[in-house]
Amino acid sequence: MNASQSHDSPTPPRPLPLAREPERVPEVFASRFNSGDAAALDEMYAPDAAFVTPEGRVARGAGAIAVANAGFLSLGRPIVVRPRAVTVVDDTALLVVDWELSGVDVAGTATDIARRGPDGIWRYLVDSPFGGGPLGDGPLGGQRPAR
């Protein structure tokens, strides 16, 4: 082993650049979430964005959204996303995305709205990881959907 290598856990991959296509928003979100970099995740949101918490409350603004996402990030598990549908009208997109946190019983179907900003970047305007309503009694209120 040379001096630049260590025995520590591997460094998380660098997060992907922000999305210039609405179809890439879920993939970019997952990359940024999985990097563990809360600041990189915060960049996914428009300044006037809202986040629907697992309890069904609406968090508005960067600080409140960061707090809401911190609960998910604190589980330390990677997220896997599977987009179902992306519907685009002008500079607005409706995203329906199945997701799960690997290794824990937390999953859902997100119903999100993304908006293209003047810089050409697509960011969340509404992030609703559980489709808008409170769910279950598992970690963070969510649980794996019945299959």
C-alpha atoms as a PDB file:
ATOM      1  CA  MET A   1       0.000   0.000   0.000  1.00  0.00           C
ATOM      2  CA  ASN A   2       1.379   3.431  -0.855  1.00  0.00           C
ATOM      3  CA  ALA A   3       1.100   6.627   1.177  1.00  0.00           C
ATOM      4  CA  SER A   4      -1.963   7.850  -0.721  1.00  0.00           C
ATOM      5  CA  GLN A   5      -3.990   4.774   0.223  1.00  0.00           C
ATOM      6  CA  SER A   6      -5.596   4.199   3.589  1.00  0.00           C
ATOM      7  CA  HIS A   7      -7.465   1.556   5.503  1.00  0.00           C
ATOM      8  CA  ASP A   8     -10.480   3.831   5.986  1.00  0.00           C
ATOM      9  CA  SER A   9     -13.797   3.150   4.310  1.00  0.00           C
ATOM     10  CA  PRO A  10     -13.957   4.116   0.642  1.00  0.00           C
ATOM     11  CA  THR A  11     -14.683   7.724  -0.216  1.00  0.00           C
ATOM     12  CA  PRO A  12     -18.238   8.143  -1.532  1.00  0.00           C
ATOM     13  CA  PRO A  13     -18.402   8.939  -5.239  1.00  0.00           C
ATOM     14  CA  ARG A  14     -18.635  12.580  -6.209  1.00  0.00           C
ATOM     15  CA  PRO A  15     -22.242  13.593  -6.821  1.00  0.00           C
ATOM     16  CA  LEU A  16     -23.443  14.067 -10.379  1.00  0.00           C
ATOM     17  CA  PRO A  17     -23.834  17.594 -11.760  1.00  0.00           C
ATOM     18  CA  LEU A  18     -27.311  19.089 -11.473  1.00  0.00           C
ATOM     19  CA  ALA A  19     -29.811  17.929 -14.112  1.00  0.00           C
ATOM     20  CA  ARG A  20     -30.303  19.775 -17.389  1.00  0.00           C
ATOM     21  CA  GLU A  21     -33.025  17.300 -18.411  1.00  0.00           C
ATOM     22  CA  PRO A  22     -36.071  16.558 -16.244  1.00  0.00           C
ATOM     23  CA  GLU A  23     -35.672  12.797 -16.736  1.00  0.00           C
ATOM     24  CA  ARG A  24     -32.300  12.971 -14.953  1.00  0.00           C
ATOM     25  CA  VAL A  25     -33.589  14.619 -11.753  1.00  0.00           C
ATOM     26  CA  PRO A  26     -34.190  11.307  -9.878  1.00  0.00           C
ATOM     27  CA  GLU A  27     -30.766   9.924 -10.882  1.00  0.00           C
ATOM     28  CA  VAL A  28     -29.009  13.135  -9.832  1.00  0.00           C
ATOM     29  CA  PHE A  29     -30.949  13.176  -6.548  1.00  0.00           C
ATOM     30  CA  ALA A  30     -29.864   9.590  -5.814  1.00  0.00           C
ATOM     31  CA  SER A  31     -26.241  10.406  -6.634  1.00  0.00           C
ATOM     32  CA  ARG A  32     -26.241  13.409  -4.332  1.00  0.00           C
ATOM     33  CA  PHE A  33     -28.107  11.571  -1.568  1.00  0.00           C
ATOM     34  CA  ASN A  34     -25.722   8.618  -1.779  1.00  0.00           C
ATOM     35  CA  SER A  35     -22.692  10.916  -1.593  1.00  0.00           C
ATOM     36  CA  GLY A  36     -23.796  11.822   1.936  1.00  0.00           C
ATOM     37  CA  ASP A  37     -23.120  15.487   1.122  1.00  0.00           C
ATOM     38  CA  ALA A  38     -26.069  17.413   2.562  1.00  0.00           C
ATOM     39  CA  ALA A  39     -25.005  20.622   0.776  1.00  0.00           C
ATOM     40  CA  ALA A  40     -24.992  18.809  -2.582  1.00  0.00           C
ATOM     41  CA  LEU A  41     -28.486  17.501  -1.813  1.00  0.00           C
ATOM     42  CA  ASP A  42     -29.678  21.007  -0.853  1.00  0.00           C
ATOM     43  CA  GLU A  43     -28.746  22.217  -4.364  1.00  0.00           C
ATOM     44  CA  MET A  44     -31.500  19.978  -5.762  1.00  0.00           C
ATOM     45  CA  TYR A  45     -34.203  22.385  -4.534  1.00  0.00           C
ATOM     46  CA  ALA A  46     -35.556  25.637  -5.947  1.00  0.00           C
ATOM     47  CA  PRO A  47     -35.363  28.565  -3.491  1.00  0.00           C
ATOM     48  CA  ASP A  48     -39.159  28.489  -3.016  1.00  0.00           C
ATOM     49  CA  ALA A  49     -39.411  24.689  -2.797  1.00  0.00           C
ATOM     50  CA  ALA A  50     -41.556  22.649  -0.437  1.00  0.00           C
ATOM     51  CA  PHE A  51     -40.959  19.172   1.007  1.00  0.00           C
ATOM     52  CA  VAL A  52     -43.797  16.986   2.279  1.00  0.00           C
ATOM     53  CA  THR A  53     -42.552  15.192   5.400  1.00  0.00           C
ATOM     54  CA  PRO A  54     -43.384  11.556   6.216  1.00  0.00           C
ATOM     55  CA  GLU A  55     -45.981  12.905   8.678  1.00  0.00           C
ATOM     56  CA  GLY A  56     -47.672  14.900   5.895  1.00  0.00           C
ATOM     57  CA  ARG A  57     -46.443  18.348   7.044  1.00  0.00           C
ATOM     58  CA  VAL A  58     -45.057  20.792   4.489  1.00  0.00           C
ATOM     59  CA  ALA A  59     -41.517  22.068   5.063  1.00  0.00           C
ATOM     60  CA  ARG A  60     -40.807  25.275   3.140  1.00  0.00           C
ATOM     61  CA  GLY A  61     -37.467  26.856   2.398  1.00  0.00           C
ATOM     62  CA  ALA A  62     -33.890  25.627   2.359  1.00  0.00           C
ATOM     63  CA  GLY A  63     -33.430  25.277   6.126  1.00  0.00           C
ATOM     64  CA  ALA A  64     -36.631  23.341   6.733  1.00  0.00           C
ATOM     65  CA  ILE A  65     -36.004  21.083   3.741  1.00  0.00           C
ATOM     66  CA  ALA A  66     -32.455  20.365   4.931  1.00  0.00           C
ATOM     67  CA  VAL A  67     -33.834  19.340   8.333  1.00  0.00           C
ATOM     68  CA  ALA A  68     -36.444  17.093   6.668  1.00  0.00           C
ATOM     69  CA  ASN A  69     -33.801  15.419   4.485  1.00  0.00           C
ATOM     70  CA  ALA A  70     -31.450  14.999   7.460  1.00  0.00           C
ATOM     71  CA  GLY A  71     -33.711  12.272   8.872  1.00  0.00           C
ATOM     72  CA  PHE A  72     -33.329  10.239   5.698  1.00  0.00           C
ATOM     73  CA  LEU A  73     -29.582  10.915   5.410  1.00  0.00           C
ATOM     74  CA  SER A  74     -29.019   9.945   9.054  1.00  0.00           C
ATOM     75  CA  LEU A  75     -30.021   6.367   8.276  1.00  0.00           C
ATOM     76  CA  GLY A  76     -26.753   6.085   6.329  1.00  0.00           C
ATOM     77  CA  ARG A  77     -28.265   3.873   3.656  1.00  0.00           C
ATOM     78  CA  PRO A  78     -28.052   4.344  -0.103  1.00  0.00           C
ATOM     79  CA  ILE A  79     -31.197   5.226  -1.981  1.00  0.00           C
ATOM     80  CA  VAL A  80     -32.295   3.338  -5.097  1.00  0.00           C
ATOM     81  CA  VAL A  81     -34.689   5.142  -7.440  1.00  0.00           C
ATOM     82  CA  ARG A  82     -36.863   3.737 -10.218  1.00  0.00           C
ATOM     83  CA  PRO A  83     -38.661   6.461 -12.193  1.00  0.00           C
ATOM     84  CA  ARG A  84     -42.150   5.444 -13.320  1.00  0.00           C
ATOM     85  CA  ALA A  85     -43.161   8.532 -15.269  1.00  0.00           C
ATOM     86  CA  VAL A  86     -41.907  11.980 -16.177  1.00  0.00           C
ATOM     87  CA  THR A  87     -44.467  14.358 -17.658  1.00  0.00           C
ATOM     88  CA  VAL A  88     -43.140  17.700 -18.900  1.00  0.00           C
ATOM     89  CA  VAL A  89     -45.102  20.868 -19.691  1.00  0.00           C
ATOM     90  CA  ASP A  90     -42.870  23.790 -20.627  1.00  0.00           C
ATOM     91  CA  ASP A  91     -40.554  24.405 -17.644  1.00  0.00           C
ATOM     92  CA  THR A  92     -42.443  22.145 -15.194  1.00  0.00           C
ATOM     93  CA  ALA A  93     -42.224  18.368 -14.792  1.00  0.00           C
ATOM     94  CA  LEU A  94     -44.251  15.868 -12.782  1.00  0.00           C
ATOM     95  CA  LEU A  95     -42.039  13.007 -11.580  1.00  0.00           C
ATOM     96  CA  VAL A  96     -43.430   9.732 -10.221  1.00  0.00           C
ATOM     97  CA  VAL A  97     -40.583   7.700  -8.757  1.00  0.00           C
ATOM     98  CA  ASP A  98     -40.455   4.467  -6.745  1.00  0.00           C
ATOM     99  CA  TRP A  99     -37.593   4.546  -4.255  1.00  0.00           C
ATOM    100  CA  GLU A 100     -36.166   2.621  -1.340  1.00  0.00           C
ATOM    101  CA  LEU A 101     -33.366   2.937   1.152  1.00  0.00           C
ATOM    102  CA  SER A 102     -31.293  -0.237   0.901  1.00  0.00           C
ATOM    103  CA  GLY A 103     -31.108  -2.417   3.990  1.00  0.00           C
ATOM    104  CA  VAL A 104     -33.907  -0.720   5.944  1.00  0.00           C
ATOM    105  CA  ASP A 105     -37.656  -0.911   5.670  1.00  0.00           C
ATOM    106  CA  VAL A 106     -38.093   2.578   4.182  1.00  0.00           C
ATOM    107  CA  ALA A 107     -39.571   2.957   0.699  1.00  0.00           C
ATOM    108  CA  GLY A 108     -42.250   4.822  -1.146  1.00  0.00           C
ATOM    109  CA  THR A 109     -43.503   6.300  -4.379  1.00  0.00           C
ATOM    110  CA  ALA A 110     -42.605   9.950  -4.711  1.00  0.00           C
ATOM    111  CA  THR A 111     -44.863  12.381  -6.511  1.00  0.00           C
ATOM    112  CA  ASP A 112     -42.630  15.360  -7.216  1.00  0.00           C
ATOM    113  CA  ILE A 113     -42.680  18.553  -9.239  1.00  0.00           C
ATOM    114  CA  ALA A 114     -39.471  19.889 -10.769  1.00  0.00           C
ATOM    115  CA  ARG A 115     -39.011  23.244 -12.458  1.00  0.00           C
ATOM    116  CA  ARG A 116     -36.382  24.424 -14.929  1.00  0.00           C
ATOM    117  CA  GLY A 117     -34.705  27.558 -13.625  1.00  0.00           C
ATOM    118  CA  PRO A 118     -33.359  30.472 -15.664  1.00  0.00           C
ATOM    119  CA  ASP A 119     -29.945  28.743 -15.521  1.00  0.00           C
ATOM    120  CA  GLY A 120     -31.374  25.704 -17.364  1.00  0.00           C
ATOM    121  CA  ILE A 121     -31.118  23.473 -14.262  1.00  0.00           C
ATOM    122  CA  TRP A 122     -34.083  21.348 -13.146  1.00  0.00           C
ATOM    123  CA  ARG A 123     -34.699  21.493  -9.381  1.00  0.00           C
ATOM    124  CA  TYR A 124     -37.431  20.244  -7.096  1.00  0.00           C
ATOM    125  CA  LEU A 125     -40.267  22.663  -6.506  1.00  0.00           C
ATOM    126  CA  VAL A 126     -42.252  20.049  -4.540  1.00  0.00           C
ATOM    127  CA  ASP A 127     -40.598  16.931  -3.121  1.00  0.00           C
ATOM    128  CA  SER A 128     -43.208  14.521  -1.800  1.00  0.00           C
ATOM    129  CA  PRO A 129     -41.415  11.224  -1.094  1.00  0.00           C
ATOM    130  CA  PHE A 130     -44.543   9.396   0.032  1.00  0.00           C
ATOM    131  CA  GLY A 131     -46.956  10.902  -2.484  1.00  0.00           C
ATOM    132  CA  GLY A 132     -48.266  13.530  -0.095  1.00  0.00           C
ATOM    133  CA  GLY A 133     -49.728  11.575   2.785  1.00  0.00           C
ATOM    134  CA  PRO A 134     -48.429  10.162   6.035  1.00  0.00           C
ATOM    135  CA  LEU A 135     -47.457   6.509   5.917  1.00  0.00           C
ATOM    136  CA  GLY A 136     -46.990   3.688   8.367  1.00  0.00           C
ATOM    137  CA  ASP A 137     -45.056   3.464  11.568  1.00  0.00           C
ATOM    138  CA  GLY A 138     -41.641   2.386  10.285  1.00  0.00           C
ATOM    139  CA  PRO A 139     -38.498   4.519  10.400  1.00  0.00           C
ATOM    140  CA  LEU A 140     -39.388   8.038   9.267  1.00  0.00           C
ATOM    141  CA  GLY A 141     -43.044   6.999   9.016  1.00  0.00           C
ATOM    142  CA  GLY A 142     -42.584   5.022   5.801  1.00  0.00           C
ATOM    143  CA  GLN A 143     -42.581   1.346   5.138  1.00  0.00           C
ATOM    144  CA  ARG A 144     -42.018  -0.903   2.186  1.00  0.00           C
ATOM    145  CA  PRO A 145     -45.087  -1.037  -0.054  1.00  0.00           C
ATOM    146  CA  ALA A 146     -46.924  -4.368  -0.238  1.00  0.00           C
ATOM    147  CA  ARG A 147     -45.841  -6.393  -3.249  1.00  0.00           C
END
